[in-house]
Amino acid sequence: MKKIIISLLLALGLATSSYAVSLEGLSVGISGSHSGYYAVGTEETDNDETGVDDTKEAGAFTANHMSVFVEYNIGPISVGLDYIPSEIETPKNTNLQGTTTNTVKGEFENHTTVYALIPIPLGGLYAKVGGIYVDLNSIENLGTGGSYGNTDTTGMMAGLGYSIEAADGLSIRAEVTAAQYDEVEVANSASDAGGTKVTLTDMMSAFGTISVVKSF
């Protein structure tokens, strides 16, 4: 995964060098997306027998967000970098253990996608493929003690879009994409937590996006 992201970054860097004197081939844009996220979380404790007191639960949520991107057309493919400047928060989960309350929620931060646009000879239709990097922050208040650290993950995305050309280098895009993220695992920092850890698997997302693009 990291090799794919590095390769796409190198391609973008080469494109930048090629157009250092001229803006020809450069596109910049802003996007608005409605997205859905899904994952399966499993909490395990090493001190217990296998399967005892393990908790496994699937969850999903939706979010709206903006992103900004820059692209270079290296003919016929364009390579680009998309960045979501805001955090994307999951709903808060509350767990009561007697008189003790635990609350936890997750946060996606620095969601960055390096991608390639591949034109399809059907008007303005195109395919979009790329690699993703994102920081995963754990925000919790555990009455039982300890905390879970932050981590990061990478993923792959693919989708289809349609671009409509307007005047003066402006265009409007509509696209749908789906992504799959790599598994992550974080451990409770408390020394008496019995090796408690949380694993997130089957992490995926889907985006419906409208973009305004200015090409030079």
N, C-alpha and C. Protein backbone atom coordinates (compact mmCIF):
# COMPACT_ATOMS: atom_id res chain seq x y z
N MET A 1 0.82 -1.19 0.00
CA MET A 1 0.00 0.00 0.00
C MET A 1 0.86 1.26 0.00
N LYS A 2 1.85 1.32 0.91
CA LYS A 2 2.70 2.50 0.98
C LYS A 2 3.48 2.69 -0.31
N LYS A 3 3.89 1.59 -0.96
CA LYS A 3 4.60 1.69 -2.22
C LYS A 3 3.73 2.32 -3.29
N ILE A 4 2.43 1.97 -3.28
CA ILE A 4 1.51 2.55 -4.26
C ILE A 4 1.38 4.05 -4.03
N ILE A 5 1.22 4.46 -2.77
CA ILE A 5 1.09 5.88 -2.46
C ILE A 5 2.35 6.63 -2.85
N ILE A 6 3.52 6.07 -2.55
CA ILE A 6 4.78 6.73 -2.91
C ILE A 6 4.91 6.87 -4.41
N SER A 7 4.51 5.84 -5.16
CA SER A 7 4.60 5.89 -6.62
C SER A 7 3.72 7.00 -7.18
N LEU A 8 2.50 7.13 -6.63
CA LEU A 8 1.61 8.18 -7.11
C LEU A 8 2.12 9.57 -6.73
N LEU A 9 2.72 9.70 -5.55
CA LEU A 9 3.32 10.97 -5.16
C LEU A 9 4.48 11.35 -6.07
N LEU A 10 5.29 10.36 -6.44
CA LEU A 10 6.38 10.62 -7.38
C LEU A 10 5.85 11.07 -8.73
N ALA A 11 4.76 10.45 -9.17
CA ALA A 11 4.17 10.85 -10.45
C ALA A 11 3.68 12.29 -10.38
N LEU A 12 3.06 12.66 -9.25
CA LEU A 12 2.60 14.03 -9.08
C LEU A 12 3.78 14.99 -9.04
N GLY A 13 4.87 14.57 -8.37
CA GLY A 13 6.06 15.41 -8.31
C GLY A 13 6.70 15.63 -9.67
N LEU A 14 6.74 14.58 -10.48
CA LEU A 14 7.28 14.72 -11.83
C LEU A 14 6.43 15.66 -12.67
N ALA A 15 5.11 15.56 -12.49
CA ALA A 15 4.22 16.46 -13.23
C ALA A 15 4.44 17.90 -12.81
N THR A 16 4.63 18.12 -11.50
CA THR A 16 4.89 19.47 -11.00
C THR A 16 6.16 20.04 -11.61
N SER A 17 7.21 19.22 -11.71
CA SER A 17 8.46 19.68 -12.30
C SER A 17 8.29 20.01 -13.77
N SER A 18 7.50 19.23 -14.46
CA SER A 18 7.32 19.43 -15.90
C SER A 18 6.63 20.75 -16.20
N TYR A 19 5.75 21.20 -15.26
CA TYR A 19 4.97 22.40 -15.50
C TYR A 19 5.40 23.53 -14.56
N ALA A 20 6.70 23.50 -14.17
CA ALA A 20 7.19 24.50 -13.23
C ALA A 20 7.12 25.91 -13.81
N VAL A 21 7.26 26.05 -15.12
CA VAL A 21 7.28 27.37 -15.75
C VAL A 21 5.87 27.80 -16.14
N SER A 22 4.99 26.87 -16.44
CA SER A 22 3.65 27.16 -16.93
C SER A 22 2.62 26.47 -16.05
N LEU A 23 1.43 27.07 -15.97
CA LEU A 23 0.33 26.47 -15.23
C LEU A 23 -0.45 25.48 -16.08
N GLU A 24 -0.05 25.31 -17.34
CA GLU A 24 -0.77 24.40 -18.22
C GLU A 24 -0.78 22.99 -17.64
N GLY A 25 -1.96 22.40 -17.60
CA GLY A 25 -2.12 21.05 -17.06
C GLY A 25 -2.53 21.02 -15.60
N LEU A 26 -2.47 22.19 -14.92
CA LEU A 26 -2.83 22.26 -13.50
C LEU A 26 -4.33 22.43 -13.33
N SER A 27 -4.90 21.72 -12.37
CA SER A 27 -6.30 21.91 -11.97
C SER A 27 -6.36 21.97 -10.45
N VAL A 28 -7.22 22.84 -9.95
CA VAL A 28 -7.47 22.92 -8.50
C VAL A 28 -8.97 22.87 -8.30
N GLY A 29 -9.40 22.40 -7.14
CA GLY A 29 -10.83 22.29 -6.94
C GLY A 29 -11.22 22.15 -5.48
N ILE A 30 -12.52 22.21 -5.26
CA ILE A 30 -13.11 22.02 -3.94
C ILE A 30 -14.29 21.07 -4.08
N SER A 31 -14.46 20.20 -3.11
CA SER A 31 -15.49 19.17 -3.18
C SER A 31 -16.36 19.17 -1.93
N GLY A 32 -17.60 18.79 -2.11
CA GLY A 32 -18.50 18.51 -1.00
C GLY A 32 -18.95 17.06 -1.10
N SER A 33 -18.86 16.33 0.01
CA SER A 33 -19.17 14.89 -0.02
C SER A 33 -20.14 14.50 1.08
N HIS A 34 -21.00 13.55 0.76
CA HIS A 34 -21.78 12.83 1.76
C HIS A 34 -21.19 11.43 1.81
N SER A 35 -20.75 11.00 2.99
CA SER A 35 -20.01 9.74 3.10
C SER A 35 -20.61 8.84 4.16
N GLY A 36 -20.36 7.56 4.00
CA GLY A 36 -20.77 6.57 4.97
C GLY A 36 -19.58 5.71 5.36
N TYR A 37 -19.49 5.35 6.64
CA TYR A 37 -18.36 4.57 7.16
C TYR A 37 -18.87 3.35 7.91
N TYR A 38 -18.10 2.26 7.84
CA TYR A 38 -18.49 1.00 8.50
C TYR A 38 -17.23 0.31 9.01
N ALA A 39 -17.33 -0.33 10.17
CA ALA A 39 -16.23 -1.13 10.70
C ALA A 39 -16.77 -2.11 11.72
N VAL A 40 -15.98 -3.14 12.00
CA VAL A 40 -16.27 -4.11 13.05
C VAL A 40 -15.21 -3.95 14.13
N GLY A 41 -15.64 -3.70 15.37
CA GLY A 41 -14.71 -3.54 16.49
C GLY A 41 -14.78 -4.71 17.44
N THR A 42 -13.60 -5.20 17.87
CA THR A 42 -13.52 -6.30 18.81
C THR A 42 -12.62 -5.92 19.98
N GLU A 43 -13.15 -6.03 21.20
CA GLU A 43 -12.35 -5.79 22.40
C GLU A 43 -12.00 -7.13 23.02
N GLU A 44 -10.70 -7.35 23.25
CA GLU A 44 -10.21 -8.62 23.79
C GLU A 44 -9.36 -8.36 25.03
N THR A 45 -9.38 -9.31 25.97
CA THR A 45 -8.56 -9.25 27.18
C THR A 45 -7.73 -10.50 27.26
N ASP A 46 -6.40 -10.35 27.32
CA ASP A 46 -5.50 -11.50 27.30
C ASP A 46 -5.65 -12.40 28.51
N ASN A 47 -6.08 -11.84 29.65
CA ASN A 47 -6.15 -12.63 30.88
C ASN A 47 -7.33 -13.60 30.90
N ASP A 48 -8.28 -13.41 29.99
CA ASP A 48 -9.45 -14.29 29.95
C ASP A 48 -9.22 -15.45 29.00
N GLU A 49 -9.99 -16.51 29.20
CA GLU A 49 -9.93 -17.61 28.27
C GLU A 49 -10.42 -17.13 26.90
N THR A 50 -9.96 -17.81 25.86
CA THR A 50 -10.31 -17.42 24.51
C THR A 50 -11.82 -17.32 24.33
N GLY A 51 -12.26 -16.16 23.87
CA GLY A 51 -13.68 -15.96 23.62
C GLY A 51 -14.48 -15.50 24.82
N VAL A 52 -13.91 -15.54 26.03
CA VAL A 52 -14.63 -15.15 27.23
C VAL A 52 -14.55 -13.63 27.40
N ASP A 53 -15.71 -13.01 27.57
CA ASP A 53 -15.81 -11.56 27.79
C ASP A 53 -15.30 -10.73 26.62
N ASP A 54 -15.01 -11.35 25.48
CA ASP A 54 -14.67 -10.58 24.29
C ASP A 54 -15.95 -9.92 23.77
N THR A 55 -15.83 -8.68 23.34
CA THR A 55 -16.97 -7.94 22.82
C THR A 55 -16.72 -7.61 21.36
N LYS A 56 -17.67 -7.95 20.50
CA LYS A 56 -17.54 -7.69 19.07
C LYS A 56 -18.81 -7.02 18.58
N GLU A 57 -18.64 -5.89 17.89
CA GLU A 57 -19.81 -5.14 17.46
C GLU A 57 -19.49 -4.40 16.16
N ALA A 58 -20.45 -4.38 15.25
CA ALA A 58 -20.32 -3.63 14.00
C ALA A 58 -21.02 -2.29 14.15
N GLY A 59 -20.49 -1.29 13.48
CA GLY A 59 -21.10 0.03 13.56
C GLY A 59 -20.95 0.78 12.25
N ALA A 60 -21.88 1.70 12.01
CA ALA A 60 -21.85 2.51 10.79
C ALA A 60 -22.35 3.90 11.12
N PHE A 61 -21.89 4.89 10.36
CA PHE A 61 -22.36 6.26 10.53
C PHE A 61 -22.14 7.02 9.23
N THR A 62 -22.80 8.17 9.12
CA THR A 62 -22.65 9.01 7.94
C THR A 62 -22.09 10.37 8.34
N ALA A 63 -21.52 11.07 7.38
CA ALA A 63 -20.95 12.39 7.64
C ALA A 63 -20.93 13.21 6.36
N ASN A 64 -20.94 14.53 6.52
CA ASN A 64 -20.76 15.46 5.41
C ASN A 64 -19.47 16.23 5.62
N HIS A 65 -18.72 16.46 4.56
CA HIS A 65 -17.46 17.18 4.70
C HIS A 65 -17.03 17.80 3.38
N MET A 66 -16.09 18.73 3.49
CA MET A 66 -15.48 19.37 2.32
C MET A 66 -14.06 18.85 2.15
N SER A 67 -13.55 18.95 0.95
CA SER A 67 -12.14 18.64 0.70
C SER A 67 -11.61 19.56 -0.39
N VAL A 68 -10.30 19.68 -0.46
CA VAL A 68 -9.64 20.46 -1.51
C VAL A 68 -8.67 19.55 -2.24
N PHE A 69 -8.42 19.84 -3.52
CA PHE A 69 -7.52 18.97 -4.26
C PHE A 69 -6.78 19.74 -5.34
N VAL A 70 -5.68 19.15 -5.77
CA VAL A 70 -4.87 19.68 -6.87
C VAL A 70 -4.53 18.53 -7.79
N GLU A 71 -4.51 18.80 -9.10
CA GLU A 71 -4.24 17.75 -10.09
C GLU A 71 -3.30 18.28 -11.18
N TYR A 72 -2.63 17.33 -11.83
CA TYR A 72 -1.88 17.62 -13.04
C TYR A 72 -2.25 16.62 -14.11
N ASN A 73 -2.50 17.13 -15.28
CA ASN A 73 -2.79 16.28 -16.43
C ASN A 73 -1.47 15.89 -17.08
N ILE A 74 -1.15 14.60 -17.04
CA ILE A 74 0.09 14.14 -17.66
C ILE A 74 -0.20 13.37 -18.94
N GLY A 75 -1.44 13.47 -19.41
CA GLY A 75 -1.88 12.98 -20.70
C GLY A 75 -1.68 11.49 -20.96
N PRO A 76 -2.76 10.77 -21.07
CA PRO A 76 -4.15 11.19 -20.88
C PRO A 76 -4.62 11.12 -19.43
N ILE A 77 -3.79 10.55 -18.55
CA ILE A 77 -4.16 10.38 -17.15
C ILE A 77 -3.82 11.65 -16.36
N SER A 78 -4.65 11.97 -15.38
CA SER A 78 -4.35 13.04 -14.43
C SER A 78 -4.05 12.41 -13.07
N VAL A 79 -3.07 12.97 -12.37
CA VAL A 79 -2.75 12.51 -11.02
C VAL A 79 -3.07 13.65 -10.05
N GLY A 80 -3.54 13.30 -8.86
CA GLY A 80 -3.96 14.34 -7.94
C GLY A 80 -3.79 13.98 -6.48
N LEU A 81 -4.01 14.99 -5.66
CA LEU A 81 -3.91 14.86 -4.20
C LEU A 81 -5.12 15.54 -3.59
N ASP A 82 -5.92 14.80 -2.82
CA ASP A 82 -7.13 15.31 -2.18
C ASP A 82 -6.95 15.28 -0.67
N TYR A 83 -7.35 16.36 0.01
CA TYR A 83 -7.16 16.46 1.46
C TYR A 83 -8.44 16.97 2.12
N ILE A 84 -8.88 16.29 3.18
CA ILE A 84 -10.03 16.70 3.97
C ILE A 84 -9.51 17.46 5.19
N PRO A 85 -9.70 18.80 5.25
CA PRO A 85 -9.09 19.57 6.34
C PRO A 85 -9.78 19.43 7.69
N SER A 86 -11.00 18.95 7.73
CA SER A 86 -11.73 18.83 8.99
C SER A 86 -11.67 17.40 9.52
N GLU A 87 -11.93 17.26 10.83
CA GLU A 87 -12.01 15.93 11.43
C GLU A 87 -13.39 15.33 11.17
N ILE A 88 -13.43 14.03 11.02
CA ILE A 88 -14.69 13.30 10.83
C ILE A 88 -14.88 12.44 12.07
N GLU A 89 -15.91 12.73 12.87
CA GLU A 89 -16.11 12.05 14.14
C GLU A 89 -17.19 10.98 14.06
N THR A 90 -16.94 9.88 14.74
CA THR A 90 -17.94 8.83 14.88
C THR A 90 -18.91 9.22 15.99
N PRO A 91 -20.07 8.59 16.07
CA PRO A 91 -20.95 8.82 17.23
C PRO A 91 -20.27 8.35 18.52
N LYS A 92 -20.68 8.93 19.65
CA LYS A 92 -20.14 8.55 20.95
C LYS A 92 -20.81 7.28 21.45
N ASN A 93 -20.01 6.36 21.98
CA ASN A 93 -20.52 5.12 22.56
C ASN A 93 -20.36 5.19 24.07
N THR A 94 -21.45 4.94 24.79
CA THR A 94 -21.43 4.99 26.26
C THR A 94 -21.66 3.59 26.82
N ASN A 95 -20.78 3.20 27.79
CA ASN A 95 -20.87 1.88 28.43
C ASN A 95 -20.94 2.07 29.94
N LEU A 96 -21.98 1.52 30.56
CA LEU A 96 -22.15 1.63 32.01
C LEU A 96 -21.76 0.32 32.67
N GLN A 97 -20.87 0.40 33.66
CA GLN A 97 -20.48 -0.77 34.43
C GLN A 97 -20.72 -0.45 35.91
N GLY A 98 -21.95 -0.78 36.37
CA GLY A 98 -22.34 -0.40 37.73
C GLY A 98 -22.50 1.10 37.81
N THR A 99 -21.70 1.73 38.69
CA THR A 99 -21.73 3.19 38.81
C THR A 99 -20.64 3.86 37.97
N THR A 100 -19.92 3.06 37.20
CA THR A 100 -18.82 3.58 36.38
C THR A 100 -19.27 3.77 34.94
N THR A 101 -18.92 4.91 34.37
CA THR A 101 -19.31 5.22 32.99
C THR A 101 -18.07 5.33 32.11
N ASN A 102 -18.10 4.65 30.98
CA ASN A 102 -17.05 4.77 29.96
C ASN A 102 -17.67 5.37 28.70
N THR A 103 -17.02 6.37 28.13
CA THR A 103 -17.46 6.93 26.86
C THR A 103 -16.28 6.93 25.89
N VAL A 104 -16.58 6.67 24.62
CA VAL A 104 -15.52 6.64 23.62
C VAL A 104 -16.10 7.00 22.26
N LYS A 105 -15.31 7.68 21.46
CA LYS A 105 -15.65 7.93 20.07
C LYS A 105 -14.35 8.00 19.28
N GLY A 106 -14.44 7.83 17.98
CA GLY A 106 -13.27 7.87 17.12
C GLY A 106 -13.29 9.11 16.24
N GLU A 107 -12.13 9.39 15.68
CA GLU A 107 -11.99 10.58 14.83
C GLU A 107 -11.04 10.28 13.67
N PHE A 108 -11.50 10.56 12.45
CA PHE A 108 -10.65 10.48 11.27
C PHE A 108 -10.03 11.87 11.06
N GLU A 109 -8.71 11.91 10.96
CA GLU A 109 -8.02 13.19 10.78
C GLU A 109 -6.98 13.05 9.66
N ASN A 110 -6.74 14.15 8.94
CA ASN A 110 -5.75 14.17 7.85
C ASN A 110 -6.04 13.10 6.80
N HIS A 111 -7.30 12.96 6.45
CA HIS A 111 -7.69 11.99 5.41
C HIS A 111 -7.15 12.50 4.07
N THR A 112 -6.14 11.79 3.55
CA THR A 112 -5.43 12.22 2.35
C THR A 112 -5.48 11.11 1.30
N THR A 113 -5.84 11.48 0.08
CA THR A 113 -5.94 10.52 -1.00
C THR A 113 -5.05 10.95 -2.16
N VAL A 114 -4.18 10.08 -2.58
CA VAL A 114 -3.39 10.27 -3.80
C VAL A 114 -4.02 9.40 -4.88
N TYR A 115 -4.37 9.99 -6.01
CA TYR A 115 -5.19 9.25 -6.96
C TYR A 115 -4.81 9.53 -8.41
N ALA A 116 -5.38 8.73 -9.27
CA ALA A 116 -5.25 8.92 -10.72
C ALA A 116 -6.64 8.92 -11.34
N LEU A 117 -6.87 9.85 -12.27
CA LEU A 117 -8.10 9.89 -13.05
C LEU A 117 -7.82 9.32 -14.43
N ILE A 118 -8.61 8.34 -14.81
CA ILE A 118 -8.40 7.65 -16.10
C ILE A 118 -9.64 7.89 -16.96
N PRO A 119 -9.51 8.65 -18.05
CA PRO A 119 -10.70 8.94 -18.87
C PRO A 119 -11.25 7.68 -19.54
N ILE A 120 -12.57 7.62 -19.61
CA ILE A 120 -13.28 6.56 -20.31
C ILE A 120 -13.94 7.19 -21.53
N PRO A 121 -13.73 6.64 -22.74
CA PRO A 121 -14.22 7.29 -23.96
C PRO A 121 -15.74 7.25 -24.11
N LEU A 122 -16.42 7.85 -23.12
CA LEU A 122 -17.88 7.96 -23.15
C LEU A 122 -18.25 9.36 -22.64
N GLY A 123 -17.94 10.37 -23.43
CA GLY A 123 -18.20 11.74 -23.00
C GLY A 123 -17.27 12.15 -21.88
N GLY A 124 -17.83 12.59 -20.75
CA GLY A 124 -17.00 13.04 -19.64
C GLY A 124 -16.78 12.01 -18.57
N LEU A 125 -17.02 10.74 -18.86
CA LEU A 125 -16.90 9.68 -17.87
C LEU A 125 -15.43 9.38 -17.57
N TYR A 126 -15.13 9.07 -16.31
CA TYR A 126 -13.76 8.72 -15.92
C TYR A 126 -13.78 7.73 -14.76
N ALA A 127 -12.69 7.00 -14.64
CA ALA A 127 -12.47 6.12 -13.48
C ALA A 127 -11.47 6.80 -12.54
N LYS A 128 -11.62 6.53 -11.26
CA LYS A 128 -10.73 7.12 -10.26
C LYS A 128 -10.21 6.02 -9.34
N VAL A 129 -8.90 5.91 -9.20
CA VAL A 129 -8.29 4.91 -8.33
C VAL A 129 -7.18 5.57 -7.53
N GLY A 130 -6.94 5.08 -6.32
CA GLY A 130 -5.88 5.70 -5.53
C GLY A 130 -5.63 5.02 -4.21
N GLY A 131 -4.72 5.63 -3.45
CA GLY A 131 -4.37 5.15 -2.12
C GLY A 131 -4.67 6.21 -1.07
N ILE A 132 -5.00 5.77 0.13
CA ILE A 132 -5.45 6.65 1.21
C ILE A 132 -4.53 6.53 2.41
N TYR A 133 -4.28 7.66 3.07
CA TYR A 133 -3.66 7.68 4.39
C TYR A 133 -4.59 8.46 5.32
N VAL A 134 -4.80 7.97 6.56
CA VAL A 134 -5.64 8.69 7.52
C VAL A 134 -5.17 8.39 8.94
N ASP A 135 -5.19 9.42 9.79
CA ASP A 135 -4.93 9.25 11.22
C ASP A 135 -6.23 8.87 11.92
N LEU A 136 -6.15 7.92 12.85
CA LEU A 136 -7.30 7.48 13.63
C LEU A 136 -7.06 7.85 15.10
N ASN A 137 -7.88 8.76 15.61
CA ASN A 137 -7.73 9.22 16.99
C ASN A 137 -8.82 8.60 17.87
N SER A 138 -8.41 8.15 19.04
CA SER A 138 -9.35 7.61 20.02
C SER A 138 -9.61 8.67 21.08
N ILE A 139 -10.86 9.06 21.24
CA ILE A 139 -11.24 10.08 22.21
C ILE A 139 -12.16 9.43 23.24
N GLU A 140 -11.61 9.21 24.44
CA GLU A 140 -12.37 8.46 25.43
C GLU A 140 -12.25 9.06 26.83
N ASN A 141 -13.20 8.68 27.66
CA ASN A 141 -13.19 9.00 29.08
C ASN A 141 -13.58 7.72 29.80
N LEU A 142 -12.58 6.98 30.27
CA LEU A 142 -12.80 5.65 30.82
C LEU A 142 -12.79 5.70 32.35
N GLY A 143 -13.97 5.53 32.95
CA GLY A 143 -14.04 5.47 34.40
C GLY A 143 -13.31 4.27 34.95
N THR A 144 -13.14 3.23 34.13
CA THR A 144 -12.43 2.03 34.56
C THR A 144 -10.92 2.19 34.47
N GLY A 145 -10.46 3.34 33.94
CA GLY A 145 -9.03 3.62 33.90
C GLY A 145 -8.39 3.35 32.56
N GLY A 146 -7.24 4.00 32.36
CA GLY A 146 -6.47 3.80 31.14
C GLY A 146 -7.00 4.59 29.97
N SER A 147 -6.39 4.38 28.83
CA SER A 147 -6.81 5.04 27.59
C SER A 147 -6.27 4.25 26.42
N TYR A 148 -6.83 4.50 25.25
CA TYR A 148 -6.36 3.86 24.03
C TYR A 148 -5.63 4.91 23.18
N GLY A 149 -4.48 4.53 22.66
CA GLY A 149 -3.68 5.48 21.89
C GLY A 149 -4.23 5.70 20.49
N ASN A 150 -3.66 6.69 19.82
CA ASN A 150 -4.01 6.98 18.44
C ASN A 150 -3.16 6.13 17.50
N THR A 151 -3.62 5.98 16.28
CA THR A 151 -2.88 5.21 15.29
C THR A 151 -3.19 5.77 13.91
N ASP A 152 -2.80 5.08 12.89
CA ASP A 152 -3.12 5.49 11.52
C ASP A 152 -3.31 4.25 10.67
N THR A 153 -3.84 4.45 9.50
CA THR A 153 -4.03 3.33 8.59
C THR A 153 -3.95 3.83 7.15
N THR A 154 -3.87 2.89 6.23
CA THR A 154 -3.88 3.20 4.81
C THR A 154 -4.99 2.38 4.15
N GLY A 155 -5.30 2.72 2.93
CA GLY A 155 -6.36 2.01 2.24
C GLY A 155 -6.30 2.22 0.74
N MET A 156 -7.25 1.60 0.06
CA MET A 156 -7.38 1.73 -1.39
C MET A 156 -8.78 2.23 -1.71
N MET A 157 -8.89 3.03 -2.77
CA MET A 157 -10.19 3.52 -3.19
C MET A 157 -10.34 3.40 -4.70
N ALA A 158 -11.61 3.32 -5.16
CA ALA A 158 -11.90 3.27 -6.59
C ALA A 158 -13.31 3.78 -6.79
N GLY A 159 -13.56 4.32 -7.99
CA GLY A 159 -14.89 4.82 -8.26
C GLY A 159 -15.03 5.31 -9.69
N LEU A 160 -16.20 5.87 -9.96
CA LEU A 160 -16.51 6.41 -11.28
C LEU A 160 -17.03 7.83 -11.13
N GLY A 161 -16.77 8.66 -12.14
CA GLY A 161 -17.25 10.03 -12.10
C GLY A 161 -17.61 10.52 -13.48
N TYR A 162 -18.27 11.69 -13.50
CA TYR A 162 -18.64 12.32 -14.77
C TYR A 162 -18.36 13.81 -14.66
N SER A 163 -17.69 14.36 -15.67
CA SER A 163 -17.30 15.76 -15.67
C SER A 163 -18.03 16.51 -16.77
N ILE A 164 -18.57 17.69 -16.43
CA ILE A 164 -19.24 18.56 -17.39
C ILE A 164 -18.44 19.84 -17.52
N GLU A 165 -17.97 20.13 -18.72
CA GLU A 165 -17.17 21.33 -18.96
C GLU A 165 -18.06 22.56 -18.99
N ALA A 166 -17.58 23.64 -18.35
CA ALA A 166 -18.27 24.93 -18.40
C ALA A 166 -17.32 25.95 -19.04
N ALA A 167 -17.58 27.24 -18.85
CA ALA A 167 -16.77 28.28 -19.48
C ALA A 167 -15.53 28.59 -18.66
N ASP A 168 -14.53 29.15 -19.34
CA ASP A 168 -13.32 29.69 -18.71
C ASP A 168 -12.57 28.66 -17.86
N GLY A 169 -12.49 27.43 -18.34
CA GLY A 169 -11.73 26.41 -17.65
C GLY A 169 -12.41 25.82 -16.44
N LEU A 170 -13.68 26.17 -16.20
CA LEU A 170 -14.41 25.61 -15.07
C LEU A 170 -15.16 24.36 -15.49
N SER A 171 -15.26 23.42 -14.57
CA SER A 171 -16.04 22.20 -14.81
C SER A 171 -16.67 21.73 -13.51
N ILE A 172 -17.73 20.96 -13.66
CA ILE A 172 -18.43 20.36 -12.52
C ILE A 172 -18.30 18.85 -12.62
N ARG A 173 -17.96 18.22 -11.50
CA ARG A 173 -17.84 16.77 -11.47
C ARG A 173 -18.80 16.17 -10.45
N ALA A 174 -19.30 14.99 -10.80
CA ALA A 174 -20.08 14.18 -9.86
C ALA A 174 -19.47 12.79 -9.86
N GLU A 175 -19.20 12.25 -8.68
CA GLU A 175 -18.56 10.93 -8.63
C GLU A 175 -19.01 10.14 -7.41
N VAL A 176 -18.91 8.84 -7.53
CA VAL A 176 -19.15 7.92 -6.42
C VAL A 176 -17.90 7.05 -6.27
N THR A 177 -17.43 6.89 -5.03
CA THR A 177 -16.23 6.10 -4.78
C THR A 177 -16.45 5.23 -3.55
N ALA A 178 -15.67 4.17 -3.46
CA ALA A 178 -15.69 3.28 -2.30
C ALA A 178 -14.25 3.01 -1.87
N ALA A 179 -14.05 2.80 -0.57
CA ALA A 179 -12.71 2.59 -0.05
C ALA A 179 -12.68 1.45 0.95
N GLN A 180 -11.55 0.77 1.03
CA GLN A 180 -11.30 -0.30 2.02
C GLN A 180 -10.04 0.07 2.77
N TYR A 181 -10.09 0.06 4.13
CA TYR A 181 -8.96 0.45 4.95
C TYR A 181 -8.34 -0.77 5.61
N ASP A 182 -7.05 -0.67 5.92
CA ASP A 182 -6.34 -1.77 6.57
C ASP A 182 -6.74 -1.89 8.04
N GLU A 183 -6.65 -3.07 8.57
CA GLU A 183 -6.97 -3.37 9.97
C GLU A 183 -6.04 -2.61 10.91
N VAL A 184 -6.58 -2.16 12.05
CA VAL A 184 -5.77 -1.49 13.06
C VAL A 184 -6.04 -2.10 14.43
N GLU A 185 -5.07 -1.92 15.35
CA GLU A 185 -5.20 -2.46 16.70
C GLU A 185 -4.57 -1.48 17.68
N VAL A 186 -5.27 -1.19 18.79
CA VAL A 186 -4.73 -0.31 19.83
C VAL A 186 -4.94 -1.00 21.18
N ALA A 187 -4.02 -0.74 22.13
CA ALA A 187 -4.05 -1.38 23.44
C ALA A 187 -4.34 -0.36 24.52
N ASN A 188 -4.99 -0.82 25.60
CA ASN A 188 -5.26 0.03 26.76
C ASN A 188 -3.96 0.27 27.51
N SER A 189 -3.73 1.55 27.89
CA SER A 189 -2.47 1.91 28.53
C SER A 189 -2.40 1.54 30.00
N ALA A 190 -3.53 1.22 30.63
CA ALA A 190 -3.53 0.92 32.06
C ALA A 190 -2.80 -0.39 32.34
N SER A 191 -1.95 -0.38 33.37
CA SER A 191 -1.16 -1.57 33.69
C SER A 191 -2.02 -2.71 34.21
N ASP A 192 -3.23 -2.38 34.75
CA ASP A 192 -4.11 -3.42 35.28
C ASP A 192 -5.25 -3.75 34.32
N ALA A 193 -5.09 -3.39 33.03
CA ALA A 193 -6.17 -3.61 32.07
C ALA A 193 -6.19 -5.03 31.53
N GLY A 194 -5.23 -5.84 31.98
CA GLY A 194 -5.24 -7.25 31.58
C GLY A 194 -4.96 -7.47 30.11
N GLY A 195 -4.15 -6.60 29.50
CA GLY A 195 -3.84 -6.77 28.08
C GLY A 195 -5.00 -6.46 27.17
N THR A 196 -5.92 -5.60 27.64
CA THR A 196 -7.10 -5.27 26.84
C THR A 196 -6.69 -4.52 25.58
N LYS A 197 -7.23 -4.95 24.46
CA LYS A 197 -6.95 -4.28 23.19
C LYS A 197 -8.21 -4.25 22.34
N VAL A 198 -8.24 -3.28 21.42
CA VAL A 198 -9.35 -3.13 20.50
C VAL A 198 -8.83 -3.25 19.08
N THR A 199 -9.48 -4.08 18.29
CA THR A 199 -9.11 -4.27 16.89
C THR A 199 -10.26 -3.84 16.00
N LEU A 200 -9.96 -3.06 14.96
CA LEU A 200 -10.94 -2.64 13.98
C LEU A 200 -10.67 -3.35 12.66
N THR A 201 -11.68 -4.05 12.18
CA THR A 201 -11.56 -4.79 10.92
C THR A 201 -12.71 -4.41 9.99
N ASP A 202 -12.61 -4.87 8.75
CA ASP A 202 -13.65 -4.62 7.74
C ASP A 202 -13.98 -3.13 7.63
N MET A 203 -12.98 -2.27 7.77
CA MET A 203 -13.21 -0.84 7.69
C MET A 203 -13.40 -0.43 6.23
N MET A 204 -14.50 0.27 5.96
CA MET A 204 -14.77 0.70 4.59
C MET A 204 -15.58 1.98 4.60
N SER A 205 -15.60 2.64 3.46
CA SER A 205 -16.38 3.87 3.33
C SER A 205 -16.88 4.00 1.90
N ALA A 206 -17.89 4.86 1.72
CA ALA A 206 -18.42 5.18 0.40
C ALA A 206 -18.69 6.68 0.35
N PHE A 207 -18.35 7.31 -0.77
CA PHE A 207 -18.50 8.75 -0.91
C PHE A 207 -19.37 9.07 -2.13
N GLY A 208 -20.27 10.04 -1.97
CA GLY A 208 -20.93 10.68 -3.09
C GLY A 208 -20.46 12.12 -3.11
N THR A 209 -19.86 12.57 -4.21
CA THR A 209 -19.13 13.84 -4.21
C THR A 209 -19.50 14.71 -5.41
N ILE A 210 -19.63 16.01 -5.14
CA ILE A 210 -19.78 17.03 -6.17
C ILE A 210 -18.59 17.97 -6.07
N SER A 211 -17.92 18.25 -7.18
CA SER A 211 -16.72 19.08 -7.18
C SER A 211 -16.83 20.21 -8.19
N VAL A 212 -16.24 21.34 -7.84
CA VAL A 212 -16.04 22.45 -8.78
C VAL A 212 -14.55 22.55 -9.07
N VAL A 213 -14.19 22.53 -10.35
CA VAL A 213 -12.78 22.43 -10.75
C VAL A 213 -12.41 23.61 -11.65
N LYS A 214 -11.23 24.18 -11.41
CA LYS A 214 -10.67 25.21 -12.29
C LYS A 214 -9.40 24.64 -12.92
N SER A 215 -9.39 24.56 -14.24
CA SER A 215 -8.24 24.03 -14.99
C SER A 215 -7.53 25.16 -15.74
N PHE A 216 -6.21 25.06 -15.80
CA PHE A 216 -5.40 26.08 -16.46
C PHE A 216 -4.80 25.55 -17.77
